[in-house]
C-alpha atoms as a PDB file:
ATOM      1  CA  MET A   1      37.839 -23.506  55.995  1.00  0.00           C
ATOM      2  CA  ALA A   2      40.395 -25.789  57.585  1.00  0.00           C
ATOM      3  CA  ALA A   3      44.071 -25.838  56.705  1.00  0.00           C
ATOM      4  CA  ARG A   4      46.889 -28.015  57.951  1.00  0.00           C
ATOM      5  CA  THR A   5      50.594 -28.536  57.556  1.00  0.00           C
ATOM      6  CA  PHE A   6      52.223 -31.957  57.780  1.00  0.00           C
ATOM      7  CA  THR A   7      55.545 -33.605  56.990  1.00  0.00           C
ATOM      8  CA  ASP A   8      55.610 -36.738  54.853  1.00  0.00           C
ATOM      9  CA  SER A   9      57.975 -39.742  55.147  1.00  0.00           C
ATOM     10  CA  ALA A  10      60.463 -38.069  52.743  1.00  0.00           C
ATOM     11  CA  GLY A  11      60.711 -35.059  55.058  1.00  0.00           C
ATOM     12  CA  LEU A  12      58.779 -32.700  52.791  1.00  0.00           C
ATOM     13  CA  THR A  13      56.453 -30.212  54.455  1.00  0.00           C
ATOM     14  CA  TRP A  14      53.049 -29.954  52.804  1.00  0.00           C
ATOM     15  CA  ASP A  15      50.263 -27.432  53.250  1.00  0.00           C
ATOM     16  CA  VAL A  16      46.808 -28.940  52.801  1.00  0.00           C
ATOM     17  CA  PHE A  17      43.474 -27.125  52.516  1.00  0.00           C
ATOM     18  CA  GLU A  18      40.004 -27.417  50.990  1.00  0.00           C
ATOM     19  CA  VAL A  19      39.116 -25.642  47.762  1.00  0.00           C
ATOM     20  CA  HIS A  20      35.555 -24.916  46.671  1.00  0.00           C
ATOM     21  CA  ARG A  21      34.826 -22.872  43.551  1.00  0.00           C
ATOM     22  CA  ALA A  22      32.123 -20.225  43.735  1.00  0.00           C
ATOM     23  CA  SER A  23      30.918 -20.931  40.188  1.00  0.00           C
ATOM     24  CA  LYS A  24      28.396 -23.720  39.849  1.00  0.00           C
ATOM     25  CA  LYS A  25      28.346 -23.524  36.039  1.00  0.00           C
ATOM     26  CA  PRO A  26      29.006 -26.806  34.232  1.00  0.00           C
ATOM     27  CA  GLY A  27      32.559 -26.890  32.937  1.00  0.00           C
ATOM     28  CA  ALA A  28      33.809 -24.215  35.350  1.00  0.00           C
ATOM     29  CA  VAL A  29      36.216 -26.779  36.844  1.00  0.00           C
ATOM     30  CA  SER A  30      37.697 -30.050  35.628  1.00  0.00           C
ATOM     31  CA  ALA A  31      35.545 -33.152  35.761  1.00  0.00           C
ATOM     32  CA  GLY A  32      35.429 -34.669  39.222  1.00  0.00           C
ATOM     33  CA  LEU A  33      36.274 -31.405  40.982  1.00  0.00           C
ATOM     34  CA  GLU A  34      32.778 -29.884  40.940  1.00  0.00           C
ATOM     35  CA  GLU A  35      32.204 -30.538  44.665  1.00  0.00           C
ATOM     36  CA  GLY A  36      35.617 -29.187  45.658  1.00  0.00           C
ATOM     37  CA  TRP A  37      38.948 -30.827  46.344  1.00  0.00           C
ATOM     38  CA  LEU A  38      41.714 -31.136  48.876  1.00  0.00           C
ATOM     39  CA  ALA A  39      44.778 -29.190  47.729  1.00  0.00           C
ATOM     40  CA  PHE A  40      48.297 -30.239  48.700  1.00  0.00           C
ATOM     41  CA  ALA A  41      51.173 -27.780  48.151  1.00  0.00           C
ATOM     42  CA  CYS A  42      54.890 -28.193  48.748  1.00  0.00           C
ATOM     43  CA  GLY A  43      57.000 -25.569  46.973  1.00  0.00           C
ATOM     44  CA  GLU A  44      56.311 -25.917  43.236  1.00  0.00           C
ATOM     45  CA  GLN A  45      54.564 -29.289  43.718  1.00  0.00           C
ATOM     46  CA  LYS A  46      50.795 -29.160  43.833  1.00  0.00           C
ATOM     47  CA  ARG A  47      48.278 -31.985  44.034  1.00  0.00           C
ATOM     48  CA  ARG A  48      44.492 -32.332  44.156  1.00  0.00           C
ATOM     49  CA  LEU A  49      42.335 -34.997  45.731  1.00  0.00           C
ATOM     50  CA  ALA A  50      38.626 -35.373  45.028  1.00  0.00           C
ATOM     51  CA  PRO A  51      36.512 -36.618  46.579  1.00  0.00           C
ATOM     52  CA  PHE A  52      38.131 -36.339  49.984  1.00  0.00           C
ATOM     53  CA  PRO A  53      37.126 -37.538  53.453  1.00  0.00           C
ATOM     54  CA  PRO A  54      35.090 -34.985  55.402  1.00  0.00           C
ATOM     55  CA  ASP A  55      37.187 -35.561  58.542  1.00  0.00           C
ATOM     56  CA  TRP A  56      40.545 -34.971  56.809  1.00  0.00           C
ATOM     57  CA  ALA A  57      41.440 -32.072  59.134  1.00  0.00           C
ATOM     58  CA  SER A  58      41.504 -34.389  62.139  1.00  0.00           C
ATOM     59  CA  LEU A  59      43.478 -37.224  60.497  1.00  0.00           C
ATOM     60  CA  PRO A  60      47.010 -38.033  61.711  1.00  0.00           C
ATOM     61  CA  ASP A  61      49.944 -36.894  59.534  1.00  0.00           C
ATOM     62  CA  VAL A  62      50.546 -40.466  58.330  1.00  0.00           C
ATOM     63  CA  ASP A  63      47.030 -40.672  56.896  1.00  0.00           C
ATOM     64  CA  LEU A  64      47.369 -37.230  55.288  1.00  0.00           C
ATOM     65  CA  ALA A  65      50.585 -38.407  53.633  1.00  0.00           C
ATOM     66  CA  VAL A  66      48.684 -41.393  52.187  1.00  0.00           C
ATOM     67  CA  LEU A  67      46.003 -39.055  50.832  1.00  0.00           C
ATOM     68  CA  CYS A  68      48.713 -36.831  49.368  1.00  0.00           C
ATOM     69  CA  GLU A  69      50.271 -39.806  47.564  1.00  0.00           C
ATOM     70  CA  ALA A  70      46.852 -40.723  46.162  1.00  0.00           C
ATOM     71  CA  ALA A  71      46.200 -37.178  44.923  1.00  0.00           C
ATOM     72  CA  ARG A  72      46.818 -36.359  41.269  1.00  0.00           C
ATOM     73  CA  ARG A  73      49.385 -33.769  40.289  1.00  0.00           C
ATOM     74  CA  ALA A  74      47.926 -30.364  39.459  1.00  0.00           C
ATOM     75  CA  PRO A  75      48.997 -28.738  36.200  1.00  0.00           C
ATOM     76  CA  ALA A  76      51.395 -25.806  36.360  1.00  0.00           C
ATOM     77  CA  PRO A  77      49.564 -22.483  36.626  1.00  0.00           C
ATOM     78  CA  ARG A  78      48.812 -20.719  33.345  1.00  0.00           C
ATOM     79  CA  TYR A  79      49.952 -17.416  34.809  1.00  0.00           C
ATOM     80  CA  PRO A  80      52.613 -18.011  37.480  1.00  0.00           C
ATOM     81  CA  LEU A  81      52.790 -15.296  40.134  1.00  0.00           C
ATOM     82  CA  HIS A  82      56.523 -14.664  39.607  1.00  0.00           C
ATOM     83  CA  GLU A  83      56.061 -13.864  35.881  1.00  0.00           C
ATOM     84  CA  PRO A  84      54.535 -10.604  34.653  1.00  0.00           C
ATOM     85  CA  LEU A  85      51.075 -10.875  33.143  1.00  0.00           C
ATOM     86  CA  ARG A  86      50.798 -10.723  29.382  1.00  0.00           C
ATOM     87  CA  PRO A  87      47.963  -8.699  27.928  1.00  0.00           C
ATOM     88  CA  ARG A  88      45.005 -10.893  26.994  1.00  0.00           C
ATOM     89  CA  ILE A  89      43.541  -8.439  24.511  1.00  0.00           C
ATOM     90  CA  ARG A  90      44.288  -9.336  20.945  1.00  0.00           C
ATOM     91  CA  ARG A  91      43.976  -7.137  17.926  1.00  0.00           C
ATOM     92  CA  SER A  92      41.147  -7.919  15.564  1.00  0.00           C
ATOM     93  CA  VAL A  93      42.110  -9.952  12.534  1.00  0.00           C
ATOM     94  CA  LYS A  94      39.323  -8.453  10.450  1.00  0.00           C
ATOM     95  CA  PRO A  95      40.586  -6.384   7.549  1.00  0.00           C
ATOM     96  CA  ALA A  96      40.133  -2.667   7.862  1.00  0.00           C
ATOM     97  CA  VAL A  97      37.059  -1.304   6.155  1.00  0.00           C
ATOM     98  CA  GLU A  98      37.951   0.841   3.227  1.00  0.00           C
ATOM     99  CA  ALA A  99      35.784   3.863   2.624  1.00  0.00           C
ATOM    100  CA  PRO A 100      34.381   4.085  -0.866  1.00  0.00           C
ATOM    101  CA  ALA A 101      36.471   6.202  -3.175  1.00  0.00           C
ATOM    102  CA  THR A 102      35.141   9.721  -3.294  1.00  0.00           C
ATOM    103  CA  ALA A 103      36.256  12.772  -5.181  1.00  0.00           C
ATOM    104  CA  LEU A 104      38.785  14.927  -3.373  1.00  0.00           C
ATOM    105  CA  GLY A 105      36.348  17.828  -3.174  1.00  0.00           C
ATOM    106  CA  ASP A 106      33.618  15.862  -1.307  1.00  0.00           C
ATOM    107  CA  ASP A 107      32.466  17.256   1.981  1.00  0.00           C
ATOM    108  CA  VAL A 108      32.959  15.691   5.399  1.00  0.00           C
ATOM    109  CA  GLN A 109      29.311  14.704   5.794  1.00  0.00           C
ATOM    110  CA  THR A 110      29.379  12.644   2.575  1.00  0.00           C
ATOM    111  CA  THR A 111      32.605  10.935   3.650  1.00  0.00           C
ATOM    112  CA  VAL A 112      31.134  10.039   7.047  1.00  0.00           C
ATOM    113  CA  ARG A 113      27.817   8.765   5.685  1.00  0.00           C
ATOM    114  CA  ASP A 114      29.426   6.713   2.883  1.00  0.00           C
ATOM    115  CA  PHE A 115      31.883   5.168   5.328  1.00  0.00           C
ATOM    116  CA  ALA A 116      29.119   4.338   7.853  1.00  0.00           C
ATOM    117  CA  ARG A 117      26.986   2.571   5.230  1.00  0.00           C
ATOM    118  CA  GLU A 118      29.994   0.624   3.935  1.00  0.00           C
ATOM    119  CA  ALA A 119      30.986  -0.416   7.485  1.00  0.00           C
ATOM    120  CA  ARG A 120      27.422  -1.624   8.165  1.00  0.00           C
ATOM    121  CA  THR A 121      27.259  -3.708   4.983  1.00  0.00           C
ATOM    122  CA  ARG A 122      30.572  -5.375   5.878  1.00  0.00           C
ATOM    123  CA  GLY A 123      29.343  -6.212   9.391  1.00  0.00           C
ATOM    124  CA  LEU A 124      31.887  -4.060  11.210  1.00  0.00           C
ATOM    125  CA  PRO A 125      30.681  -3.159  14.732  1.00  0.00           C
ATOM    126  CA  ALA A 126      29.788   0.512  15.142  1.00  0.00           C
ATOM    127  CA  VAL A 127      32.471   1.224  17.750  1.00  0.00           C
ATOM    128  CA  ALA A 128      35.235  -0.303  15.619  1.00  0.00           C
ATOM    129  CA  ALA A 129      33.933   1.590  12.582  1.00  0.00           C
ATOM    130  CA  MET A 130      33.993   4.884  14.505  1.00  0.00           C
ATOM    131  CA  LEU A 131      37.646   4.319  15.400  1.00  0.00           C
ATOM    132  CA  GLU A 132      38.533   3.689  11.754  1.00  0.00           C
ATOM    133  CA  LEU A 133      36.444   6.675  10.687  1.00  0.00           C
ATOM    134  CA  LYS A 134      38.474   8.934  12.958  1.00  0.00           C
ATOM    135  CA  THR A 135      41.677   7.873  11.168  1.00  0.00           C
ATOM    136  CA  LEU A 136      40.065   8.268   7.762  1.00  0.00           C
ATOM    137  CA  LEU A 137      38.870  11.791   8.548  1.00  0.00           C
ATOM    138  CA  LEU A 138      42.315  12.827   9.750  1.00  0.00           C
ATOM    139  CA  GLU A 139      43.786  11.602   6.450  1.00  0.00           C
ATOM    140  CA  ARG A 140      41.139  13.086   4.134  1.00  0.00           C
ATOM    141  CA  HIS A 141      40.368  16.285   6.016  1.00  0.00           C
ATOM    142  CA  PRO A 142      43.524  17.304   7.928  1.00  0.00           C
ATOM    143  CA  GLN A 143      42.665  21.019   8.131  1.00  0.00           C
ATOM    144  CA  ALA A 144      42.245  22.329  11.673  1.00  0.00           C
ATOM    145  CA  ASP A 145      39.076  24.232  10.742  1.00  0.00           C
ATOM    146  CA  SER A 146      37.463  21.261   8.937  1.00  0.00           C
ATOM    147  CA  GLU A 147      33.959  20.026   9.773  1.00  0.00           C
ATOM    148  CA  ALA A 148      35.686  16.714  10.602  1.00  0.00           C
ATOM    149  CA  ARG A 149      36.682  18.257  13.959  1.00  0.00           C
ATOM    150  CA  ASP A 150      33.042  18.739  14.965  1.00  0.00           C
ATOM    151  CA  ARG A 151      32.616  15.488  16.908  1.00  0.00           C
ATOM    152  CA  LYS A 152      28.919  15.898  17.592  1.00  0.00           C
ATOM    153  CA  ALA A 153      28.097  16.435  13.934  1.00  0.00           C
ATOM    154  CA  VAL A 154      30.330  13.559  12.798  1.00  0.00           C
ATOM    155  CA  ARG A 155      28.761  11.243  15.385  1.00  0.00           C
ATOM    156  CA  ARG A 156      25.237  12.281  14.332  1.00  0.00           C
ATOM    157  CA  TRP A 157      25.986  11.710  10.617  1.00  0.00           C
ATOM    158  CA  PHE A 158      27.584   8.347  11.364  1.00  0.00           C
ATOM    159  CA  VAL A 159      24.719   7.095  13.556  1.00  0.00           C
ATOM    160  CA  GLU A 160      22.075   8.234  11.068  1.00  0.00           C
ATOM    161  CA  ALA A 161      23.805   6.493   8.159  1.00  0.00           C
ATOM    162  CA  TYR A 162      24.900   3.370  10.062  1.00  0.00           C
ATOM    163  CA  TYR A 163      21.575   2.636  11.749  1.00  0.00           C
ATOM    164  CA  PHE A 164      18.880   4.390   9.715  1.00  0.00           C
ATOM    165  CA  ASP A 165      19.944   4.756   6.030  1.00  0.00           C
ATOM    166  CA  ARG A 166      18.717   1.316   4.965  1.00  0.00           C
ATOM    167  CA  ASN A 167      17.667   2.045   1.383  1.00  0.00           C
ATOM    168  CA  ARG A 168      21.026   3.202   0.093  1.00  0.00           C
END
């Protein structure tokens, strides 16, 4: 890939290079840029030219300056390099699934199975339901020796009720 540096009539030094995206999916780049573009960069100023002449790398600086003037300004980057990245993960806006009210003396297995069936009927994904179930079990069965601490049993009860208890 060729790259050049030139100085325009205003005395600004520009870097110019070809850009070709690897993705060929429709909509992966802005309209008109699907076959690549010539990128011009001078400090914070950035411009794009498409289509561009195939012999651009051998053009004199004066002609490159004309191409640069014809290029459209590129939008500012969404995530500038000098700013820290913000997390892109957002919390779910779905309301938490409430487990059906059960008597205080109910066992852990009943709590798990009732919660799993309720989560399934509300369309909550199994992984999200398991995370909420963990919190629920800590609230309802806080004892250190409770069956709620047996992860394999809790997982088995949840999976059986969530995926296979269809007639309840």
